[in-house]
Amino acid sequence: MRLTSFTDFGLRALMRMASDPGRAFSTAELAEEFSLSRNHLTKIIAALAQGGIVTTRRGGGGGATLACPPAEIRLGQVVRLLETGQPLVECLGSDVVTCTVAGCCRLKARLRFAEEAFLADLDRSTLADVALPAVPRPVPLNVGG
């Protein structure tokens, strides 16, 4: 199964956020780290916020934070959210199918099962399982006495 770049980038951002769950991450910071368009990442963060995966806050000290501990966020949950409207093949996502073998196709059921198995496997893992290594924060210099 191939995930959209929307989902791929969303998972990357969440993996970074899971490395320091209490910290707010700005879209500018995440976009720079992963060489992504800030505008595209803003849309991804908005979808994650709407789905209850992250919370966002504007202004100084704002940014996106995980809405719950990384160990409570299932990867399948994230993929389902971000892949909404992106069926594996046309016939799995639409009532209007232009496929010429739709009436006699026996592949559709197998593809649906494979997709469900893929997501079920992802549900066995959490964001905590795939968190990126923490980025060391700069230590303030103690100047003077």
Protein backbone atom coordinates (compact mmCIF):
# COMPACT_ATOMS: atom_id res chain seq x y z
CA MET A 1 0.00 0.00 0.00
CA ARG A 2 1.30 3.44 -0.84
CA LEU A 3 0.52 6.32 1.49
CA THR A 4 0.01 9.85 0.22
CA SER A 5 2.68 12.44 0.94
CA PHE A 6 0.08 14.12 3.18
CA THR A 7 0.09 11.07 5.45
CA ASP A 8 3.84 10.53 5.16
CA PHE A 9 4.58 14.11 6.23
CA GLY A 10 1.96 13.92 8.99
CA LEU A 11 3.57 10.79 10.40
CA ARG A 12 7.01 12.42 10.30
CA ALA A 13 5.75 15.47 12.18
CA LEU A 14 4.07 13.26 14.79
CA MET A 15 7.21 11.15 15.19
CA ARG A 16 9.16 14.32 15.98
CA MET A 17 6.46 15.56 18.36
CA ALA A 18 6.52 12.17 20.13
CA SER A 19 10.22 12.69 20.87
CA ASP A 20 9.30 15.55 23.23
CA PRO A 21 5.56 15.17 23.97
CA GLY A 22 5.18 18.14 26.31
CA ARG A 23 6.70 20.62 23.91
CA ALA A 24 4.89 22.80 21.37
CA PHE A 25 6.30 22.54 17.85
CA SER A 26 5.82 25.32 15.32
CA THR A 27 4.98 24.46 11.73
CA ALA A 28 8.01 26.51 10.66
CA GLU A 29 10.30 24.37 12.81
CA LEU A 30 8.84 21.08 11.58
CA ALA A 31 8.78 22.23 7.96
CA GLU A 32 12.44 23.19 8.16
CA GLU A 33 13.50 19.92 9.80
CA PHE A 34 11.81 17.79 7.14
CA SER A 35 12.31 20.16 4.17
CA LEU A 36 8.56 20.53 3.65
CA SER A 37 6.37 23.36 2.48
CA ARG A 38 5.16 25.23 5.56
CA ASN A 39 1.79 25.79 3.87
CA HIS A 40 1.37 22.05 3.21
CA LEU A 41 2.39 21.20 6.77
CA THR A 42 -0.10 23.74 8.14
CA LYS A 43 -2.89 21.83 6.36
CA ILE A 44 -1.64 18.54 7.79
CA ILE A 45 -1.48 19.93 11.34
CA ALA A 46 -5.01 21.32 10.90
CA ALA A 47 -6.27 17.86 9.89
CA LEU A 48 -4.50 16.29 12.87
CA ALA A 49 -6.04 18.90 15.17
CA GLN A 50 -9.51 18.36 13.72
CA GLY A 51 -9.05 14.62 14.27
CA GLY A 52 -8.07 15.13 17.91
CA ILE A 53 -4.47 13.92 17.52
CA VAL A 54 -2.86 17.29 18.26
CA THR A 55 -3.90 20.55 19.85
CA THR A 56 -2.77 23.88 18.51
CA ARG A 57 -2.21 27.28 20.04
CA ARG A 58 -1.38 30.52 18.24
CA GLY A 59 1.02 33.23 19.27
CA GLY A 60 4.27 33.30 21.21
CA GLY A 61 4.95 29.95 22.81
CA GLY A 62 2.26 28.43 20.63
CA GLY A 63 2.45 25.59 18.18
CA ALA A 64 1.19 22.03 18.01
CA THR A 65 1.35 19.53 20.85
CA LEU A 66 0.16 15.95 21.06
CA ALA A 67 -3.37 15.78 22.46
CA CYS A 68 -2.51 12.67 24.50
CA PRO A 69 0.57 10.59 25.33
CA PRO A 70 2.30 8.99 22.30
CA ALA A 71 1.59 5.53 23.70
CA GLU A 72 -2.14 6.21 23.31
CA ILE A 73 -1.99 7.21 19.63
CA ARG A 74 -2.29 4.21 17.31
CA LEU A 75 -0.59 4.46 13.92
CA GLY A 76 -3.63 2.98 12.18
CA GLN A 77 -5.75 5.75 13.70
CA VAL A 78 -3.44 8.38 12.21
CA VAL A 79 -3.33 6.75 8.78
CA ARG A 80 -7.12 6.37 8.66
CA LEU A 81 -7.49 10.06 9.53
CA LEU A 82 -4.97 11.37 7.04
CA GLU A 83 -5.89 8.98 4.22
CA THR A 84 -9.61 9.84 4.40
CA GLY A 85 -10.93 9.99 0.85
CA GLN A 86 -7.88 8.19 -0.59
CA PRO A 87 -9.02 4.64 -1.41
CA LEU A 88 -6.47 1.99 -2.31
CA VAL A 89 -8.21 1.63 -5.68
CA GLU A 90 -11.13 3.51 -7.21
CA CYS A 91 -13.75 0.84 -6.56
CA LEU A 92 -13.08 0.84 -2.80
CA GLY A 93 -13.94 4.48 -2.38
CA SER A 94 -16.70 5.46 -4.71
CA ASP A 95 -20.20 4.48 -5.69
CA VAL A 96 -19.42 5.63 -9.23
CA VAL A 97 -16.97 3.12 -10.68
CA THR A 98 -15.64 3.39 -14.19
CA CYS A 99 -13.87 0.04 -14.07
CA THR A 100 -14.85 -2.24 -16.96
CA VAL A 101 -14.71 -5.41 -14.83
CA ALA A 102 -16.62 -4.07 -11.82
CA GLY A 103 -19.55 -6.45 -12.30
CA CYS A 104 -17.46 -9.63 -12.25
CA CYS A 105 -14.32 -8.60 -10.34
CA ARG A 106 -13.14 -10.91 -7.56
CA LEU A 107 -10.13 -8.74 -6.71
CA LYS A 108 -12.06 -6.01 -4.87
CA ALA A 109 -12.82 -8.16 -1.81
CA ARG A 110 -9.18 -9.24 -1.54
CA LEU A 111 -7.95 -5.66 -1.79
CA ARG A 112 -10.40 -4.56 0.88
CA PHE A 113 -9.18 -7.36 3.15
CA ALA A 114 -5.52 -6.45 2.49
CA GLU A 115 -6.22 -2.80 3.32
CA GLU A 116 -7.98 -3.78 6.55
CA ALA A 117 -5.09 -6.10 7.49
CA PHE A 118 -2.58 -3.32 6.82
CA LEU A 119 -4.44 -0.89 9.08
CA ALA A 120 -4.98 -3.57 11.75
CA ASP A 121 -1.22 -4.19 11.78
CA LEU A 122 -0.59 -0.45 12.19
CA ASP A 123 -3.09 -0.44 15.07
CA ARG A 124 -0.73 -2.76 16.95
CA SER A 125 1.87 0.02 17.08
CA THR A 126 1.74 3.41 18.73
CA LEU A 127 3.43 6.70 18.10
CA ALA A 128 5.66 5.95 21.09
CA ASP A 129 6.99 2.90 19.21
CA VAL A 130 8.21 5.04 16.30
CA ALA A 131 9.18 8.30 18.02
CA LEU A 132 12.30 9.90 16.63
CA PRO A 133 15.32 10.31 18.90
CA ALA A 134 15.07 13.47 20.98
CA VAL A 135 16.93 16.47 19.64
CA PRO A 136 19.24 17.83 22.33
CA ARG A 137 18.28 21.30 23.45
CA PRO A 138 21.03 23.88 23.67
CA VAL A 139 22.37 24.31 27.18
CA PRO A 140 22.38 27.96 28.25
CA LEU A 141 25.83 29.30 29.00
CA ASN A 142 26.34 30.44 32.54
CA VAL A 143 28.12 33.71 31.95
CA GLY A 144 29.52 35.49 34.95
CA GLY A 145 29.63 34.47 38.50
